Amino acid sequence: MFETQAKTPVWFWIVGVIGLLWFSMGAFDYVATQYRLDFYMSEFTPEQLEFFYGFPAWYKAIWAISVWTAVIGSVLLLIRNKLASLMFFISLISFIVSAIYSYGFTNAMEMMGGIGSIIFSIVIFLSVLAFFWLARWAAGKGILR
């Protein structure tokens, strides 16, 4: 009849805020690229700009889903809603699809400076995976409702 909820540890809030800031940077990158914000896009070469602006519409949609579901997942984590794990799962799957396209069907690695771009993509993948795991763990412990 009465639902008990686990006390939320302080580290959970710290990690949640860090996640929101981290995934918000990805969302900003998406917005800056789509709106072609000069102060941001001026850091790229003309070839890189052509590469970014040449993405097919379906890829832009997958990219948007990936970044915005991670941001939403972070917010849901902070408000202790168990739908956070679903958002991180969607982000993870869409990121995998975008990475397969980028590294399997385009010259993304060459365009973005070699192995560094793959390392950065791995960091993003591991981040989303870690937050998916955290959300599932927190839901199982009763921290998320």
N, C-alpha and C. Protein backbone atom coordinates (compact mmCIF):
# COMPACT_ATOMS: atom_id res chain seq x y z
N MET A 1 0.82 -1.18 0.00
CA MET A 1 0.00 0.00 0.00
C MET A 1 0.87 1.26 0.00
N PHE A 2 1.89 1.29 0.83
CA PHE A 2 2.79 2.44 0.87
C PHE A 2 4.05 2.13 0.09
N GLU A 3 4.43 3.06 -0.77
CA GLU A 3 5.61 2.86 -1.58
C GLU A 3 6.79 3.52 -0.88
N THR A 4 7.84 2.78 -0.67
CA THR A 4 9.03 3.36 -0.07
C THR A 4 10.00 3.73 -1.17
N GLN A 5 10.70 4.83 -0.95
CA GLN A 5 11.66 5.28 -1.93
C GLN A 5 13.03 5.39 -1.26
N ALA A 6 14.03 4.91 -1.96
CA ALA A 6 15.39 4.95 -1.44
C ALA A 6 15.88 6.39 -1.36
N LYS A 7 16.70 6.64 -0.36
CA LYS A 7 17.34 7.96 -0.23
C LYS A 7 18.32 8.12 -1.39
N THR A 8 18.30 9.27 -2.01
CA THR A 8 19.17 9.53 -3.15
C THR A 8 20.53 9.99 -2.64
N PRO A 9 21.59 9.25 -2.97
CA PRO A 9 22.92 9.64 -2.51
C PRO A 9 23.40 10.93 -3.18
N VAL A 10 24.23 11.67 -2.50
CA VAL A 10 24.75 12.94 -3.02
C VAL A 10 25.51 12.72 -4.33
N TRP A 11 26.28 11.63 -4.43
CA TRP A 11 27.05 11.38 -5.64
C TRP A 11 26.14 11.26 -6.86
N PHE A 12 24.91 10.77 -6.65
CA PHE A 12 23.96 10.61 -7.74
C PHE A 12 23.62 11.98 -8.34
N TRP A 13 23.41 12.98 -7.49
CA TRP A 13 23.10 14.33 -7.97
C TRP A 13 24.29 14.92 -8.73
N ILE A 14 25.49 14.70 -8.20
CA ILE A 14 26.70 15.23 -8.84
C ILE A 14 26.87 14.61 -10.22
N VAL A 15 26.75 13.29 -10.29
CA VAL A 15 26.88 12.60 -11.58
C VAL A 15 25.77 13.03 -12.53
N GLY A 16 24.56 13.20 -12.02
CA GLY A 16 23.44 13.64 -12.85
C GLY A 16 23.67 15.01 -13.47
N VAL A 17 24.19 15.94 -12.69
CA VAL A 17 24.47 17.28 -13.20
C VAL A 17 25.61 17.24 -14.23
N ILE A 18 26.64 16.46 -13.92
CA ILE A 18 27.74 16.30 -14.89
C ILE A 18 27.21 15.74 -16.21
N GLY A 19 26.34 14.73 -16.11
CA GLY A 19 25.75 14.16 -17.32
C GLY A 19 24.94 15.18 -18.11
N LEU A 20 24.14 15.97 -17.40
CA LEU A 20 23.34 16.99 -18.09
C LEU A 20 24.25 17.99 -18.81
N LEU A 21 25.31 18.41 -18.16
CA LEU A 21 26.24 19.35 -18.79
C LEU A 21 26.93 18.71 -19.99
N TRP A 22 27.39 17.47 -19.84
CA TRP A 22 28.08 16.74 -20.92
C TRP A 22 27.18 16.56 -22.14
N PHE A 23 25.96 16.06 -21.90
CA PHE A 23 25.07 15.80 -23.02
C PHE A 23 24.52 17.10 -23.61
N SER A 24 24.46 18.16 -22.82
CA SER A 24 24.05 19.46 -23.35
C SER A 24 25.08 20.00 -24.33
N MET A 25 26.35 19.67 -24.11
CA MET A 25 27.37 20.08 -25.08
C MET A 25 27.12 19.43 -26.44
N GLY A 26 26.70 18.17 -26.43
CA GLY A 26 26.36 17.50 -27.69
C GLY A 26 25.16 18.14 -28.36
N ALA A 27 24.17 18.52 -27.55
CA ALA A 27 22.99 19.19 -28.10
C ALA A 27 23.37 20.56 -28.68
N PHE A 28 24.27 21.26 -27.99
CA PHE A 28 24.73 22.54 -28.51
C PHE A 28 25.45 22.36 -29.84
N ASP A 29 26.29 21.34 -29.93
CA ASP A 29 27.00 21.06 -31.17
C ASP A 29 26.00 20.83 -32.30
N TYR A 30 24.96 20.07 -32.01
CA TYR A 30 23.93 19.81 -33.02
C TYR A 30 23.27 21.13 -33.46
N VAL A 31 22.84 21.93 -32.50
CA VAL A 31 22.15 23.19 -32.82
C VAL A 31 23.08 24.14 -33.58
N ALA A 32 24.32 24.26 -33.11
CA ALA A 32 25.27 25.16 -33.76
C ALA A 32 25.54 24.74 -35.20
N THR A 33 25.59 23.44 -35.43
CA THR A 33 25.82 22.93 -36.78
C THR A 33 24.60 23.14 -37.66
N GLN A 34 23.43 22.84 -37.14
CA GLN A 34 22.21 22.97 -37.94
C GLN A 34 21.88 24.42 -38.26
N TYR A 35 22.16 25.32 -37.32
CA TYR A 35 21.90 26.74 -37.55
C TYR A 35 23.10 27.46 -38.14
N ARG A 36 24.18 26.70 -38.35
CA ARG A 36 25.39 27.24 -38.96
C ARG A 36 25.88 28.50 -38.26
N LEU A 37 25.97 28.40 -36.94
CA LEU A 37 26.40 29.55 -36.15
C LEU A 37 27.86 29.88 -36.46
N ASP A 38 28.08 31.09 -36.95
CA ASP A 38 29.41 31.48 -37.43
C ASP A 38 30.50 31.32 -36.40
N PHE A 39 30.25 31.78 -35.17
CA PHE A 39 31.30 31.74 -34.16
C PHE A 39 31.75 30.31 -33.87
N TYR A 40 30.88 29.35 -34.10
CA TYR A 40 31.20 27.95 -33.85
C TYR A 40 31.76 27.28 -35.10
N MET A 41 31.10 27.49 -36.21
CA MET A 41 31.47 26.80 -37.43
C MET A 41 32.74 27.38 -38.06
N SER A 42 33.16 28.58 -37.68
CA SER A 42 34.37 29.18 -38.24
C SER A 42 35.63 28.42 -37.84
N GLU A 43 35.51 27.52 -36.87
CA GLU A 43 36.66 26.72 -36.42
C GLU A 43 36.96 25.54 -37.36
N PHE A 44 36.06 25.29 -38.31
CA PHE A 44 36.21 24.14 -39.20
C PHE A 44 36.71 24.57 -40.57
N THR A 45 37.35 23.64 -41.26
CA THR A 45 37.84 23.91 -42.61
C THR A 45 36.65 23.92 -43.58
N PRO A 46 36.84 24.49 -44.78
CA PRO A 46 35.77 24.45 -45.77
C PRO A 46 35.35 23.01 -46.11
N GLU A 47 36.30 22.09 -46.14
CA GLU A 47 35.99 20.70 -46.43
C GLU A 47 35.13 20.09 -45.32
N GLN A 48 35.46 20.40 -44.08
CA GLN A 48 34.68 19.89 -42.96
C GLN A 48 33.26 20.48 -42.98
N LEU A 49 33.16 21.76 -43.30
CA LEU A 49 31.84 22.39 -43.38
C LEU A 49 31.00 21.73 -44.47
N GLU A 50 31.61 21.47 -45.60
CA GLU A 50 30.90 20.79 -46.69
C GLU A 50 30.43 19.41 -46.23
N PHE A 51 31.27 18.72 -45.48
CA PHE A 51 30.93 17.41 -44.94
C PHE A 51 29.72 17.52 -44.00
N PHE A 52 29.77 18.46 -43.04
CA PHE A 52 28.66 18.64 -42.08
C PHE A 52 27.37 19.03 -42.77
N TYR A 53 27.47 19.96 -43.69
CA TYR A 53 26.27 20.48 -44.35
C TYR A 53 25.71 19.51 -45.38
N GLY A 54 26.46 18.48 -45.70
CA GLY A 54 26.02 17.50 -46.69
C GLY A 54 25.34 16.27 -46.09
N PHE A 55 25.16 16.26 -44.77
CA PHE A 55 24.50 15.10 -44.16
C PHE A 55 23.09 14.93 -44.72
N PRO A 56 22.69 13.69 -45.00
CA PRO A 56 21.30 13.46 -45.45
C PRO A 56 20.32 13.75 -44.30
N ALA A 57 19.09 14.03 -44.67
CA ALA A 57 18.06 14.40 -43.68
C ALA A 57 17.86 13.30 -42.63
N TRP A 58 17.89 12.04 -43.06
CA TRP A 58 17.67 10.95 -42.09
C TRP A 58 18.78 10.92 -41.05
N TYR A 59 20.01 11.23 -41.47
CA TYR A 59 21.14 11.25 -40.54
C TYR A 59 20.99 12.39 -39.54
N LYS A 60 20.57 13.55 -40.03
CA LYS A 60 20.34 14.68 -39.13
C LYS A 60 19.27 14.33 -38.10
N ALA A 61 18.25 13.60 -38.52
CA ALA A 61 17.19 13.18 -37.60
C ALA A 61 17.73 12.22 -36.55
N ILE A 62 18.53 11.25 -36.97
CA ILE A 62 19.14 10.29 -36.03
C ILE A 62 20.05 11.03 -35.05
N TRP A 63 20.82 11.96 -35.56
CA TRP A 63 21.72 12.76 -34.72
C TRP A 63 20.90 13.54 -33.68
N ALA A 64 19.82 14.16 -34.14
CA ALA A 64 18.96 14.92 -33.22
C ALA A 64 18.37 14.00 -32.15
N ILE A 65 17.89 12.86 -32.56
CA ILE A 65 17.32 11.91 -31.59
C ILE A 65 18.38 11.51 -30.57
N SER A 66 19.58 11.24 -31.04
CA SER A 66 20.65 10.81 -30.14
C SER A 66 20.98 11.88 -29.10
N VAL A 67 21.18 13.12 -29.53
CA VAL A 67 21.59 14.15 -28.57
C VAL A 67 20.44 14.57 -27.66
N TRP A 68 19.25 14.72 -28.21
CA TRP A 68 18.15 15.24 -27.38
C TRP A 68 17.60 14.20 -26.43
N THR A 69 17.63 12.91 -26.80
CA THR A 69 17.18 11.90 -25.84
C THR A 69 18.18 11.76 -24.70
N ALA A 70 19.46 12.01 -24.95
CA ALA A 70 20.45 12.00 -23.86
C ALA A 70 20.21 13.17 -22.91
N VAL A 71 19.89 14.34 -23.46
CA VAL A 71 19.59 15.50 -22.61
C VAL A 71 18.32 15.23 -21.80
N ILE A 72 17.29 14.74 -22.46
CA ILE A 72 16.03 14.43 -21.77
C ILE A 72 16.28 13.35 -20.71
N GLY A 73 17.07 12.34 -21.04
CA GLY A 73 17.40 11.30 -20.08
C GLY A 73 18.09 11.88 -18.85
N SER A 74 18.98 12.83 -19.06
CA SER A 74 19.67 13.48 -17.94
C SER A 74 18.70 14.25 -17.05
N VAL A 75 17.78 14.97 -17.67
CA VAL A 75 16.77 15.71 -16.90
C VAL A 75 15.89 14.73 -16.12
N LEU A 76 15.46 13.67 -16.79
CA LEU A 76 14.63 12.66 -16.12
C LEU A 76 15.38 12.00 -14.97
N LEU A 77 16.66 11.79 -15.14
CA LEU A 77 17.48 11.23 -14.07
C LEU A 77 17.47 12.18 -12.87
N LEU A 78 17.63 13.46 -13.13
CA LEU A 78 17.67 14.44 -12.04
C LEU A 78 16.32 14.63 -11.35
N ILE A 79 15.24 14.39 -12.07
CA ILE A 79 13.93 14.48 -11.41
C ILE A 79 13.47 13.10 -10.94
N ARG A 80 14.39 12.15 -11.03
CA ARG A 80 14.22 10.79 -10.53
C ARG A 80 13.05 10.06 -11.17
N ASN A 81 12.99 10.13 -12.48
CA ASN A 81 11.96 9.45 -13.25
C ASN A 81 12.59 8.27 -13.98
N LYS A 82 12.00 7.09 -13.82
CA LYS A 82 12.60 5.90 -14.41
C LYS A 82 12.55 5.84 -15.93
N LEU A 83 11.86 6.75 -16.57
CA LEU A 83 11.90 6.81 -18.04
C LEU A 83 13.27 7.25 -18.55
N ALA A 84 14.13 7.67 -17.63
CA ALA A 84 15.49 8.07 -18.01
C ALA A 84 16.19 6.93 -18.73
N SER A 85 16.01 5.71 -18.25
CA SER A 85 16.71 4.58 -18.89
C SER A 85 16.23 4.39 -20.33
N LEU A 86 14.95 4.59 -20.59
CA LEU A 86 14.44 4.47 -21.96
C LEU A 86 15.07 5.54 -22.85
N MET A 87 15.16 6.76 -22.35
CA MET A 87 15.76 7.84 -23.15
C MET A 87 17.22 7.54 -23.46
N PHE A 88 17.96 7.06 -22.47
CA PHE A 88 19.36 6.73 -22.72
C PHE A 88 19.49 5.54 -23.67
N PHE A 89 18.57 4.60 -23.61
CA PHE A 89 18.59 3.47 -24.53
C PHE A 89 18.36 3.95 -25.96
N ILE A 90 17.38 4.83 -26.15
CA ILE A 90 17.11 5.38 -27.48
C ILE A 90 18.33 6.16 -27.98
N SER A 91 18.93 6.94 -27.09
CA SER A 91 20.13 7.70 -27.46
C SER A 91 21.25 6.76 -27.88
N LEU A 92 21.43 5.69 -27.13
CA LEU A 92 22.48 4.72 -27.42
C LEU A 92 22.29 4.07 -28.79
N ILE A 93 21.09 3.62 -29.07
CA ILE A 93 20.81 2.98 -30.36
C ILE A 93 20.99 3.96 -31.51
N SER A 94 20.48 5.17 -31.35
CA SER A 94 20.61 6.15 -32.44
C SER A 94 22.07 6.57 -32.62
N PHE A 95 22.82 6.63 -31.53
CA PHE A 95 24.25 6.94 -31.66
C PHE A 95 24.97 5.84 -32.44
N ILE A 96 24.65 4.60 -32.14
CA ILE A 96 25.28 3.47 -32.84
C ILE A 96 24.98 3.55 -34.34
N VAL A 97 23.72 3.84 -34.68
CA VAL A 97 23.34 3.96 -36.10
C VAL A 97 24.14 5.09 -36.76
N SER A 98 24.24 6.23 -36.08
CA SER A 98 24.97 7.36 -36.67
C SER A 98 26.45 7.05 -36.81
N ALA A 99 27.03 6.35 -35.84
CA ALA A 99 28.45 6.00 -35.91
C ALA A 99 28.72 5.01 -37.04
N ILE A 100 27.83 4.05 -37.20
CA ILE A 100 27.99 3.09 -38.31
C ILE A 100 27.97 3.82 -39.64
N TYR A 101 27.04 4.76 -39.79
CA TYR A 101 26.99 5.53 -41.03
C TYR A 101 28.25 6.37 -41.19
N SER A 102 28.60 7.11 -40.13
CA SER A 102 29.75 8.03 -40.22
C SER A 102 31.05 7.33 -40.54
N TYR A 103 31.32 6.26 -39.82
CA TYR A 103 32.62 5.60 -39.97
C TYR A 103 32.60 4.46 -41.00
N GLY A 104 31.42 3.99 -41.34
CA GLY A 104 31.34 2.91 -42.30
C GLY A 104 31.03 3.35 -43.72
N PHE A 105 30.38 4.50 -43.86
CA PHE A 105 29.90 4.89 -45.18
C PHE A 105 30.32 6.30 -45.60
N THR A 106 31.09 6.97 -44.76
CA THR A 106 31.60 8.29 -45.13
C THR A 106 33.09 8.34 -44.78
N ASN A 107 33.71 9.44 -45.08
CA ASN A 107 35.11 9.62 -44.73
C ASN A 107 35.25 10.46 -43.46
N ALA A 108 34.39 10.20 -42.48
CA ALA A 108 34.36 10.99 -41.24
C ALA A 108 35.70 10.99 -40.52
N MET A 109 36.33 9.84 -40.45
CA MET A 109 37.59 9.78 -39.71
C MET A 109 38.64 10.68 -40.36
N GLU A 110 38.76 10.61 -41.64
CA GLU A 110 39.70 11.47 -42.37
C GLU A 110 39.31 12.94 -42.24
N MET A 111 38.02 13.21 -42.37
CA MET A 111 37.52 14.58 -42.35
C MET A 111 37.73 15.24 -40.97
N MET A 112 37.62 14.44 -39.91
CA MET A 112 37.68 15.01 -38.57
C MET A 112 39.03 14.79 -37.88
N GLY A 113 40.03 14.42 -38.62
CA GLY A 113 41.36 14.41 -38.06
C GLY A 113 41.89 13.07 -37.59
N GLY A 114 41.39 11.99 -38.12
CA GLY A 114 41.97 10.69 -37.83
C GLY A 114 41.41 9.99 -36.61
N ILE A 115 42.31 9.29 -35.91
CA ILE A 115 41.92 8.41 -34.82
C ILE A 115 41.28 9.18 -33.66
N GLY A 116 41.60 10.45 -33.52
CA GLY A 116 41.01 11.26 -32.45
C GLY A 116 39.50 11.30 -32.51
N SER A 117 38.96 11.32 -33.71
CA SER A 117 37.50 11.35 -33.85
C SER A 117 36.88 10.04 -33.40
N ILE A 118 37.56 8.94 -33.65
CA ILE A 118 37.05 7.64 -33.21
C ILE A 118 37.13 7.54 -31.69
N ILE A 119 38.23 8.01 -31.13
CA ILE A 119 38.36 8.00 -29.66
C ILE A 119 37.25 8.83 -29.03
N PHE A 120 36.98 10.01 -29.59
CA PHE A 120 35.92 10.86 -29.05
C PHE A 120 34.57 10.17 -29.19
N SER A 121 34.32 9.51 -30.30
CA SER A 121 33.06 8.77 -30.47
C SER A 121 32.94 7.64 -29.46
N ILE A 122 34.04 6.97 -29.17
CA ILE A 122 34.02 5.91 -28.15
C ILE A 122 33.70 6.49 -26.78
N VAL A 123 34.26 7.65 -26.47
CA VAL A 123 33.96 8.31 -25.20
C VAL A 123 32.47 8.64 -25.11
N ILE A 124 31.90 9.15 -26.18
CA ILE A 124 30.47 9.45 -26.20
C ILE A 124 29.66 8.18 -26.01
N PHE A 125 30.00 7.14 -26.75
CA PHE A 125 29.30 5.86 -26.63
C PHE A 125 29.35 5.35 -25.18
N LEU A 126 30.53 5.34 -24.60
CA LEU A 126 30.67 4.85 -23.23
C LEU A 126 29.92 5.72 -22.23
N SER A 127 29.85 7.01 -22.50
CA SER A 127 29.09 7.92 -21.63
C SER A 127 27.60 7.58 -21.65
N VAL A 128 27.05 7.43 -22.83
CA VAL A 128 25.63 7.10 -22.94
C VAL A 128 25.36 5.73 -22.33
N LEU A 129 26.24 4.78 -22.60
CA LEU A 129 26.09 3.45 -22.03
C LEU A 129 26.14 3.50 -20.49
N ALA A 130 27.06 4.28 -19.94
CA ALA A 130 27.17 4.40 -18.48
C ALA A 130 25.92 5.03 -17.88
N PHE A 131 25.37 6.03 -18.53
CA PHE A 131 24.17 6.67 -18.00
C PHE A 131 22.95 5.77 -18.16
N PHE A 132 22.91 4.99 -19.21
CA PHE A 132 21.84 4.00 -19.35
C PHE A 132 21.92 3.00 -18.19
N TRP A 133 23.12 2.52 -17.93
CA TRP A 133 23.32 1.58 -16.83
C TRP A 133 22.96 2.23 -15.50
N LEU A 134 23.39 3.47 -15.29
CA LEU A 134 23.09 4.18 -14.04
C LEU A 134 21.58 4.32 -13.84
N ALA A 135 20.88 4.68 -14.90
CA ALA A 135 19.42 4.85 -14.79
C ALA A 135 18.74 3.52 -14.46
N ARG A 136 19.19 2.46 -15.08
CA ARG A 136 18.60 1.13 -14.78
C ARG A 136 18.92 0.72 -13.34
N TRP A 137 20.14 0.96 -12.92
CA TRP A 137 20.55 0.63 -11.55
C TRP A 137 19.71 1.44 -10.54
N ALA A 138 19.58 2.75 -10.80
CA ALA A 138 18.85 3.63 -9.89
C ALA A 138 17.36 3.24 -9.84
N ALA A 139 16.81 2.83 -10.96
CA ALA A 139 15.41 2.38 -10.97
C ALA A 139 15.27 1.11 -10.14
N GLY A 140 16.22 0.21 -10.26
CA GLY A 140 16.18 -1.03 -9.50
C GLY A 140 16.34 -0.81 -8.00
N LYS A 141 17.07 0.24 -7.62
CA LYS A 141 17.29 0.56 -6.21
C LYS A 141 16.19 1.43 -5.62
N GLY A 142 15.23 1.81 -6.45
CA GLY A 142 14.13 2.63 -5.96
C GLY A 142 14.44 4.13 -5.93
N ILE A 143 15.57 4.53 -6.48
CA ILE A 143 15.90 5.96 -6.53
C ILE A 143 15.03 6.65 -7.58
N LEU A 144 14.82 5.98 -8.70
CA LEU A 144 13.93 6.51 -9.74
C LEU A 144 12.56 5.90 -9.58
N ARG A 145 11.54 6.68 -9.81
CA ARG A 145 10.18 6.17 -9.65
C ARG A 145 9.44 6.26 -10.97
